[in-house]
Amino acid sequence: MTGTGALLLTLACASVAHAQPVAPPDSTAQPVVPPDSTVQPLPSPIPSPRSPKVRSTFTRTGEEVDRFELGIGAPEGFFDVAGTFGYRRFLSARGGLERTFFGEATGTAKSQITEGALSAFFLLRPAATYRQSWRVRPLLEAGPGAHLVVQAASIEGFNRTNYHAKVYVKTHAYGGFEALLTQRWGFLVRGRFSAPSHHPFDYAQAAVFLR
């Protein structure tokens, strides 16, 4: 009995010792680098970013972008002569058309009546009618215009003046030409036609512009 018990005890101790995990001799040791470490992993392909779509293109540079205009015109209707001052700003070119903002102040007088107008236009011009290298260019454009007109009338025999103001929107078409005298100066001749024509303050105009 004594020999059998000693044999069982020895087997149990060996089984327990085998089940215990063996700790590594030195946990701070660095991993062994293989002798041939020159082979690098292949880089993953980087997707190329998509180029943004170009929605508008400027076809004018420098002094061709904006300009001031000072002119004189012969308006339809009651008045004989009108003075004009305008500012033109090129916006963009897309779809074969140039887009332009044009602001204008107009003044005229005759007898006891004086009239002034402030106007803002959004005009479209065929891009094929404009080249920066041309010294003489046709001017064909059309678009809507908003107008604020103020009229002052002096009543003869009375020491007072009556004022009348009106706001309206019309569609305008311009036709004429512009010519460059120098790199910065030029002149234009054009006529303006409008619809509807119940406000006949249209004109044939000659103007000098500074670019």
C-alpha atoms as a PDB file:
ATOM      1  CA  MET A   1       0.000   0.000   0.000  1.00  0.00           C
ATOM      2  CA  THR A   2       2.830   2.269   0.798  1.00  0.00           C
ATOM      3  CA  GLY A   3       4.503   1.801  -2.554  1.00  0.00           C
ATOM      4  CA  THR A   4       1.291   2.333  -4.541  1.00  0.00           C
ATOM      5  CA  GLY A   5       0.438   5.516  -2.708  1.00  0.00           C
ATOM      6  CA  ALA A   6       3.835   6.951  -3.415  1.00  0.00           C
ATOM      7  CA  LEU A   7       3.502   6.189  -7.086  1.00  0.00           C
ATOM      8  CA  LEU A   8       0.103   7.955  -7.374  1.00  0.00           C
ATOM      9  CA  LEU A   9       1.411  10.973  -5.516  1.00  0.00           C
ATOM     10  CA  THR A  10       4.333  11.276  -7.861  1.00  0.00           C
ATOM     11  CA  LEU A  11       2.112  11.084 -10.980  1.00  0.00           C
ATOM     12  CA  ALA A  12      -0.245  13.742  -9.616  1.00  0.00           C
ATOM     13  CA  CYS A  13       2.599  16.128  -8.901  1.00  0.00           C
ATOM     14  CA  ALA A  14       3.994  15.634 -12.353  1.00  0.00           C
ATOM     15  CA  SER A  15       0.597  16.299 -13.918  1.00  0.00           C
ATOM     16  CA  VAL A  16       0.183  19.519 -11.971  1.00  0.00           C
ATOM     17  CA  ALA A  17       3.649  20.712 -12.842  1.00  0.00           C
ATOM     18  CA  HIS A  18       3.030  20.072 -16.519  1.00  0.00           C
ATOM     19  CA  ALA A  19      -0.219  22.088 -16.471  1.00  0.00           C
ATOM     20  CA  GLN A  20       1.421  25.244 -15.100  1.00  0.00           C
ATOM     21  CA  PRO A  21       2.495  27.835 -17.812  1.00  0.00           C
ATOM     22  CA  VAL A  22       6.184  28.367 -18.219  1.00  0.00           C
ATOM     23  CA  ALA A  23       7.226  32.032 -18.044  1.00  0.00           C
ATOM     24  CA  PRO A  24       9.675  33.283 -20.697  1.00  0.00           C
ATOM     25  CA  PRO A  25      13.205  33.717 -19.435  1.00  0.00           C
ATOM     26  CA  ASP A  26      13.303  37.482 -20.159  1.00  0.00           C
ATOM     27  CA  SER A  27      10.109  39.418 -21.031  1.00  0.00           C
ATOM     28  CA  THR A  28      12.088  42.553 -22.003  1.00  0.00           C
ATOM     29  CA  ALA A  29      13.940  40.872 -24.854  1.00  0.00           C
ATOM     30  CA  GLN A  30      13.453  42.410 -28.311  1.00  0.00           C
ATOM     31  CA  PRO A  31      12.108  40.350 -31.228  1.00  0.00           C
ATOM     32  CA  VAL A  32      14.798  38.803 -33.347  1.00  0.00           C
ATOM     33  CA  VAL A  33      15.150  40.477 -36.761  1.00  0.00           C
ATOM     34  CA  PRO A  34      15.595  37.999 -39.576  1.00  0.00           C
ATOM     35  CA  PRO A  35      18.932  38.291 -41.404  1.00  0.00           C
ATOM     36  CA  ASP A  36      17.255  39.397 -44.636  1.00  0.00           C
ATOM     37  CA  SER A  37      15.015  42.387 -43.760  1.00  0.00           C
ATOM     38  CA  THR A  38      15.374  44.312 -47.044  1.00  0.00           C
ATOM     39  CA  VAL A  39      12.045  43.114 -48.455  1.00  0.00           C
ATOM     40  CA  GLN A  40       9.482  45.816 -47.828  1.00  0.00           C
ATOM     41  CA  PRO A  41       5.703  45.291 -48.052  1.00  0.00           C
ATOM     42  CA  LEU A  42       4.064  46.576 -51.219  1.00  0.00           C
ATOM     43  CA  PRO A  43       2.353  49.954 -50.652  1.00  0.00           C
ATOM     44  CA  SER A  44      -1.404  50.021 -51.050  1.00  0.00           C
ATOM     45  CA  PRO A  45      -2.536  51.950 -54.146  1.00  0.00           C
ATOM     46  CA  ILE A  46      -3.619  55.553 -53.420  1.00  0.00           C
ATOM     47  CA  PRO A  47      -6.760  56.574 -55.322  1.00  0.00           C
ATOM     48  CA  SER A  48      -6.188  59.662 -57.443  1.00  0.00           C
ATOM     49  CA  PRO A  49      -8.439  62.586 -56.456  1.00  0.00           C
ATOM     50  CA  ARG A  50     -10.986  63.673 -59.006  1.00  0.00           C
ATOM     51  CA  SER A  51     -10.409  67.068 -60.575  1.00  0.00           C
ATOM     52  CA  PRO A  52     -13.225  69.554 -59.850  1.00  0.00           C
ATOM     53  CA  LYS A  53     -15.432  70.481 -62.757  1.00  0.00           C
ATOM     54  CA  VAL A  54     -14.891  73.931 -64.245  1.00  0.00           C
ATOM     55  CA  ARG A  55     -18.227  75.697 -64.269  1.00  0.00           C
ATOM     56  CA  SER A  56     -17.214  79.161 -65.424  1.00  0.00           C
ATOM     57  CA  THR A  57     -14.232  80.482 -67.323  1.00  0.00           C
ATOM     58  CA  PHE A  58     -12.960  84.060 -67.453  1.00  0.00           C
ATOM     59  CA  THR A  59     -12.070  85.004 -70.988  1.00  0.00           C
ATOM     60  CA  ARG A  60     -10.945  88.524 -70.106  1.00  0.00           C
ATOM     61  CA  THR A  61      -7.950  89.710 -68.144  1.00  0.00           C
ATOM     62  CA  GLY A  62      -6.760  92.930 -66.561  1.00  0.00           C
ATOM     63  CA  GLU A  63      -8.469  96.032 -67.867  1.00  0.00           C
ATOM     64  CA  GLU A  64     -10.909  93.917 -69.905  1.00  0.00           C
ATOM     65  CA  VAL A  65     -12.813  92.870 -66.754  1.00  0.00           C
ATOM     66  CA  ASP A  66     -14.443  96.203 -65.865  1.00  0.00           C
ATOM     67  CA  ARG A  67     -14.670  99.754 -67.161  1.00  0.00           C
ATOM     68  CA  PHE A  68     -16.378 103.138 -66.747  1.00  0.00           C
ATOM     69  CA  GLU A  69     -18.376 104.826 -69.510  1.00  0.00           C
ATOM     70  CA  LEU A  70     -19.208 108.502 -69.969  1.00  0.00           C
ATOM     71  CA  GLY A  71     -21.538 109.317 -72.836  1.00  0.00           C
ATOM     72  CA  ILE A  72     -24.241 111.405 -74.448  1.00  0.00           C
ATOM     73  CA  GLY A  73     -27.386 110.164 -76.113  1.00  0.00           C
ATOM     74  CA  ALA A  74     -30.422 111.217 -78.103  1.00  0.00           C
ATOM     75  CA  PRO A  75     -33.430 109.701 -76.299  1.00  0.00           C
ATOM     76  CA  GLU A  76     -36.794 108.959 -77.796  1.00  0.00           C
ATOM     77  CA  GLY A  77     -39.786 111.026 -76.764  1.00  0.00           C
ATOM     78  CA  PHE A  78     -39.909 114.463 -75.200  1.00  0.00           C
ATOM     79  CA  PHE A  79     -36.210 115.060 -74.427  1.00  0.00           C
ATOM     80  CA  ASP A  80     -33.529 115.971 -76.934  1.00  0.00           C
ATOM     81  CA  VAL A  81     -30.265 115.059 -75.161  1.00  0.00           C
ATOM     82  CA  ALA A  82     -29.376 112.762 -72.265  1.00  0.00           C
ATOM     83  CA  GLY A  83     -26.100 112.441 -70.363  1.00  0.00           C
ATOM     84  CA  THR A  84     -25.047 108.971 -69.179  1.00  0.00           C
ATOM     85  CA  PHE A  85     -22.508 107.527 -66.754  1.00  0.00           C
ATOM     86  CA  GLY A  86     -22.095 103.770 -66.520  1.00  0.00           C
ATOM     87  CA  TYR A  87     -20.063 101.007 -64.915  1.00  0.00           C
ATOM     88  CA  ARG A  88     -19.640  97.648 -66.645  1.00  0.00           C
ATOM     89  CA  ARG A  89     -18.399  94.460 -64.960  1.00  0.00           C
ATOM     90  CA  PHE A  90     -17.707  91.196 -66.777  1.00  0.00           C
ATOM     91  CA  LEU A  91     -19.038  88.253 -64.720  1.00  0.00           C
ATOM     92  CA  SER A  92     -18.424  84.962 -66.542  1.00  0.00           C
ATOM     93  CA  ALA A  93     -18.586  83.105 -69.844  1.00  0.00           C
ATOM     94  CA  ARG A  94     -20.398  79.795 -70.198  1.00  0.00           C
ATOM     95  CA  GLY A  95     -22.365  78.029 -72.893  1.00  0.00           C
ATOM     96  CA  GLY A  96     -21.216  80.393 -75.656  1.00  0.00           C
ATOM     97  CA  LEU A  97     -22.533  83.489 -73.815  1.00  0.00           C
ATOM     98  CA  GLU A  98     -20.810  86.186 -71.789  1.00  0.00           C
ATOM     99  CA  ARG A  99     -22.602  87.501 -68.699  1.00  0.00           C
ATOM    100  CA  THR A 100     -22.182  91.146 -67.746  1.00  0.00           C
ATOM    101  CA  PHE A 101     -23.500  93.475 -65.049  1.00  0.00           C
ATOM    102  CA  PHE A 102     -24.070  97.049 -66.181  1.00  0.00           C
ATOM    103  CA  GLY A 103     -25.102  99.955 -63.971  1.00  0.00           C
ATOM    104  CA  GLU A 104     -26.025 103.334 -65.420  1.00  0.00           C
ATOM    105  CA  ALA A 105     -27.085 106.796 -64.256  1.00  0.00           C
ATOM    106  CA  THR A 106     -28.918 108.938 -66.811  1.00  0.00           C
ATOM    107  CA  GLY A 107     -29.988 112.574 -66.615  1.00  0.00           C
ATOM    108  CA  THR A 108     -31.793 114.948 -68.961  1.00  0.00           C
ATOM    109  CA  ALA A 109     -33.832 118.155 -68.912  1.00  0.00           C
ATOM    110  CA  LYS A 110     -36.042 120.234 -71.146  1.00  0.00           C
ATOM    111  CA  SER A 111     -38.117 123.320 -70.408  1.00  0.00           C
ATOM    112  CA  GLN A 112     -39.350 122.976 -66.824  1.00  0.00           C
ATOM    113  CA  ILE A 113     -38.903 119.187 -66.635  1.00  0.00           C
ATOM    114  CA  THR A 114     -35.816 117.403 -65.327  1.00  0.00           C
ATOM    115  CA  GLU A 115     -35.559 113.652 -65.286  1.00  0.00           C
ATOM    116  CA  GLY A 116     -32.967 111.266 -63.847  1.00  0.00           C
ATOM    117  CA  ALA A 117     -32.758 107.469 -63.820  1.00  0.00           C
ATOM    118  CA  LEU A 118     -30.727 104.791 -62.049  1.00  0.00           C
ATOM    119  CA  SER A 119     -30.606 101.474 -63.900  1.00  0.00           C
ATOM    120  CA  ALA A 120     -29.132  97.999 -63.343  1.00  0.00           C
ATOM    121  CA  PHE A 121     -28.836  95.484 -66.195  1.00  0.00           C
ATOM    122  CA  PHE A 122     -27.924  91.823 -66.537  1.00  0.00           C
ATOM    123  CA  LEU A 123     -26.785  91.385 -70.138  1.00  0.00           C
ATOM    124  CA  LEU A 124     -25.904  88.373 -72.303  1.00  0.00           C
ATOM    125  CA  ARG A 125     -23.472  88.705 -75.196  1.00  0.00           C
ATOM    126  CA  PRO A 126     -22.469  85.998 -77.720  1.00  0.00           C
ATOM    127  CA  ALA A 127     -18.876  85.048 -76.927  1.00  0.00           C
ATOM    128  CA  ALA A 128     -18.083  84.704 -80.639  1.00  0.00           C
ATOM    129  CA  THR A 129     -18.588  88.485 -81.105  1.00  0.00           C
ATOM    130  CA  TYR A 130     -15.740  89.366 -78.732  1.00  0.00           C
ATOM    131  CA  ARG A 131     -11.997  88.836 -79.051  1.00  0.00           C
ATOM    132  CA  GLN A 132      -9.520  90.611 -76.802  1.00  0.00           C
ATOM    133  CA  SER A 133      -7.099  91.065 -79.709  1.00  0.00           C
ATOM    134  CA  TRP A 134      -9.667  92.932 -81.864  1.00  0.00           C
ATOM    135  CA  ARG A 135      -9.351  96.726 -81.932  1.00  0.00           C
ATOM    136  CA  VAL A 136     -12.915  97.146 -83.233  1.00  0.00           C
ATOM    137  CA  ARG A 137     -15.592  94.822 -81.876  1.00  0.00           C
ATOM    138  CA  PRO A 138     -19.290  94.452 -82.583  1.00  0.00           C
ATOM    139  CA  LEU A 139     -21.541  95.035 -79.594  1.00  0.00           C
ATOM    140  CA  LEU A 140     -24.620  92.784 -79.535  1.00  0.00           C
ATOM    141  CA  GLU A 141     -26.191  92.040 -76.154  1.00  0.00           C
ATOM    142  CA  ALA A 142     -29.592  91.731 -74.518  1.00  0.00           C
ATOM    143  CA  GLY A 143     -31.115  91.216 -71.089  1.00  0.00           C
ATOM    144  CA  PRO A 144     -33.415  92.573 -68.388  1.00  0.00           C
ATOM    145  CA  GLY A 145     -32.983  95.951 -66.725  1.00  0.00           C
ATOM    146  CA  ALA A 146     -34.490  97.472 -63.567  1.00  0.00           C
ATOM    147  CA  HIS A 147     -35.010 101.252 -63.503  1.00  0.00           C
ATOM    148  CA  LEU A 148     -35.747 103.895 -60.905  1.00  0.00           C
ATOM    149  CA  VAL A 149     -36.856 107.119 -62.613  1.00  0.00           C
ATOM    150  CA  VAL A 150     -37.399 110.439 -60.806  1.00  0.00           C
ATOM    151  CA  GLN A 151     -38.960 113.421 -62.583  1.00  0.00           C
ATOM    152  CA  ALA A 152     -39.079 116.998 -61.325  1.00  0.00           C
ATOM    153  CA  ALA A 153     -41.417 119.530 -62.942  1.00  0.00           C
ATOM    154  CA  SER A 154     -41.391 123.252 -62.166  1.00  0.00           C
ATOM    155  CA  ILE A 155     -44.865 124.699 -62.454  1.00  0.00           C
ATOM    156  CA  GLU A 156     -44.735 127.972 -64.361  1.00  0.00           C
ATOM    157  CA  GLY A 157     -46.174 130.889 -62.418  1.00  0.00           C
ATOM    158  CA  PHE A 158     -45.888 129.065 -59.079  1.00  0.00           C
ATOM    159  CA  ASN A 159     -42.860 128.849 -56.836  1.00  0.00           C
ATOM    160  CA  ARG A 160     -42.932 125.097 -56.384  1.00  0.00           C
ATOM    161  CA  THR A 161     -41.759 121.871 -58.001  1.00  0.00           C
ATOM    162  CA  ASN A 162     -43.639 118.601 -58.277  1.00  0.00           C
ATOM    163  CA  TYR A 163     -41.791 115.273 -58.067  1.00  0.00           C
ATOM    164  CA  HIS A 164     -42.778 111.945 -59.488  1.00  0.00           C
ATOM    165  CA  ALA A 165     -40.955 108.605 -59.152  1.00  0.00           C
ATOM    166  CA  LYS A 166     -41.518 105.247 -60.789  1.00  0.00           C
ATOM    167  CA  VAL A 167     -39.850 101.817 -60.740  1.00  0.00           C
ATOM    168  CA  TYR A 168     -40.174  99.379 -63.639  1.00  0.00           C
ATOM    169  CA  VAL A 169     -38.440  96.444 -65.329  1.00  0.00           C
ATOM    170  CA  LYS A 170     -37.903  96.099 -69.074  1.00  0.00           C
ATOM    171  CA  THR A 171     -36.038  93.852 -71.489  1.00  0.00           C
ATOM    172  CA  HIS A 172     -33.374  95.637 -73.548  1.00  0.00           C
ATOM    173  CA  ALA A 173     -31.370  94.838 -76.670  1.00  0.00           C
ATOM    174  CA  TYR A 174     -28.209  96.746 -77.604  1.00  0.00           C
ATOM    175  CA  GLY A 175     -26.587  96.939 -81.020  1.00  0.00           C
ATOM    176  CA  GLY A 176     -23.475  98.850 -82.095  1.00  0.00           C
ATOM    177  CA  PHE A 177     -19.696  98.630 -81.918  1.00  0.00           C
ATOM    178  CA  GLU A 178     -16.803  99.556 -79.620  1.00  0.00           C
ATOM    179  CA  ALA A 179     -13.286 100.577 -80.647  1.00  0.00           C
ATOM    180  CA  LEU A 180     -10.018 100.827 -78.700  1.00  0.00           C
ATOM    181  CA  LEU A 181      -8.068 104.077 -79.053  1.00  0.00           C
ATOM    182  CA  THR A 182      -5.279 103.088 -76.607  1.00  0.00           C
ATOM    183  CA  GLN A 183      -4.732 100.237 -74.202  1.00  0.00           C
ATOM    184  CA  ARG A 184      -7.041 101.917 -71.662  1.00  0.00           C
ATOM    185  CA  TRP A 185      -9.266 104.316 -73.625  1.00  0.00           C
ATOM    186  CA  GLY A 186     -11.893 103.689 -76.262  1.00  0.00           C
ATOM    187  CA  PHE A 187     -15.313 104.745 -77.514  1.00  0.00           C
ATOM    188  CA  LEU A 188     -18.575 103.049 -78.366  1.00  0.00           C
ATOM    189  CA  VAL A 189     -21.615 103.810 -80.491  1.00  0.00           C
ATOM    190  CA  ARG A 190     -24.809 101.892 -79.805  1.00  0.00           C
ATOM    191  CA  GLY A 191     -28.565 102.014 -79.839  1.00  0.00           C
ATOM    192  CA  ARG A 192     -30.955 100.598 -77.250  1.00  0.00           C
ATOM    193  CA  PHE A 193     -34.337  99.069 -77.939  1.00  0.00           C
ATOM    194  CA  SER A 194     -36.725  97.979 -75.208  1.00  0.00           C
ATOM    195  CA  ALA A 195     -39.869  95.958 -74.637  1.00  0.00           C
ATOM    196  CA  PRO A 196     -42.427  96.950 -73.568  1.00  0.00           C
ATOM    197  CA  SER A 197     -42.049 100.459 -74.922  1.00  0.00           C
ATOM    198  CA  HIS A 198     -44.496 102.258 -72.620  1.00  0.00           C
ATOM    199  CA  HIS A 199     -41.492 104.032 -71.060  1.00  0.00           C
ATOM    200  CA  PRO A 200     -39.675 105.333 -74.160  1.00  0.00           C
ATOM    201  CA  PHE A 201     -36.464 106.450 -72.429  1.00  0.00           C
ATOM    202  CA  ASP A 202     -34.303 104.635 -75.011  1.00  0.00           C
ATOM    203  CA  TYR A 203     -31.522 106.299 -76.903  1.00  0.00           C
ATOM    204  CA  ALA A 204     -28.872 106.291 -79.566  1.00  0.00           C
ATOM    205  CA  GLN A 205     -25.665 106.829 -77.610  1.00  0.00           C
ATOM    206  CA  ALA A 206     -22.022 107.709 -78.156  1.00  0.00           C
ATOM    207  CA  ALA A 207     -19.720 107.221 -75.170  1.00  0.00           C
ATOM    208  CA  VAL A 208     -16.084 107.252 -74.157  1.00  0.00           C
ATOM    209  CA  PHE A 209     -14.961 104.465 -71.825  1.00  0.00           C
ATOM    210  CA  LEU A 210     -11.980 104.004 -69.513  1.00  0.00           C
ATOM    211  CA  ARG A 211     -10.900 100.416 -68.943  1.00  0.00           C
END
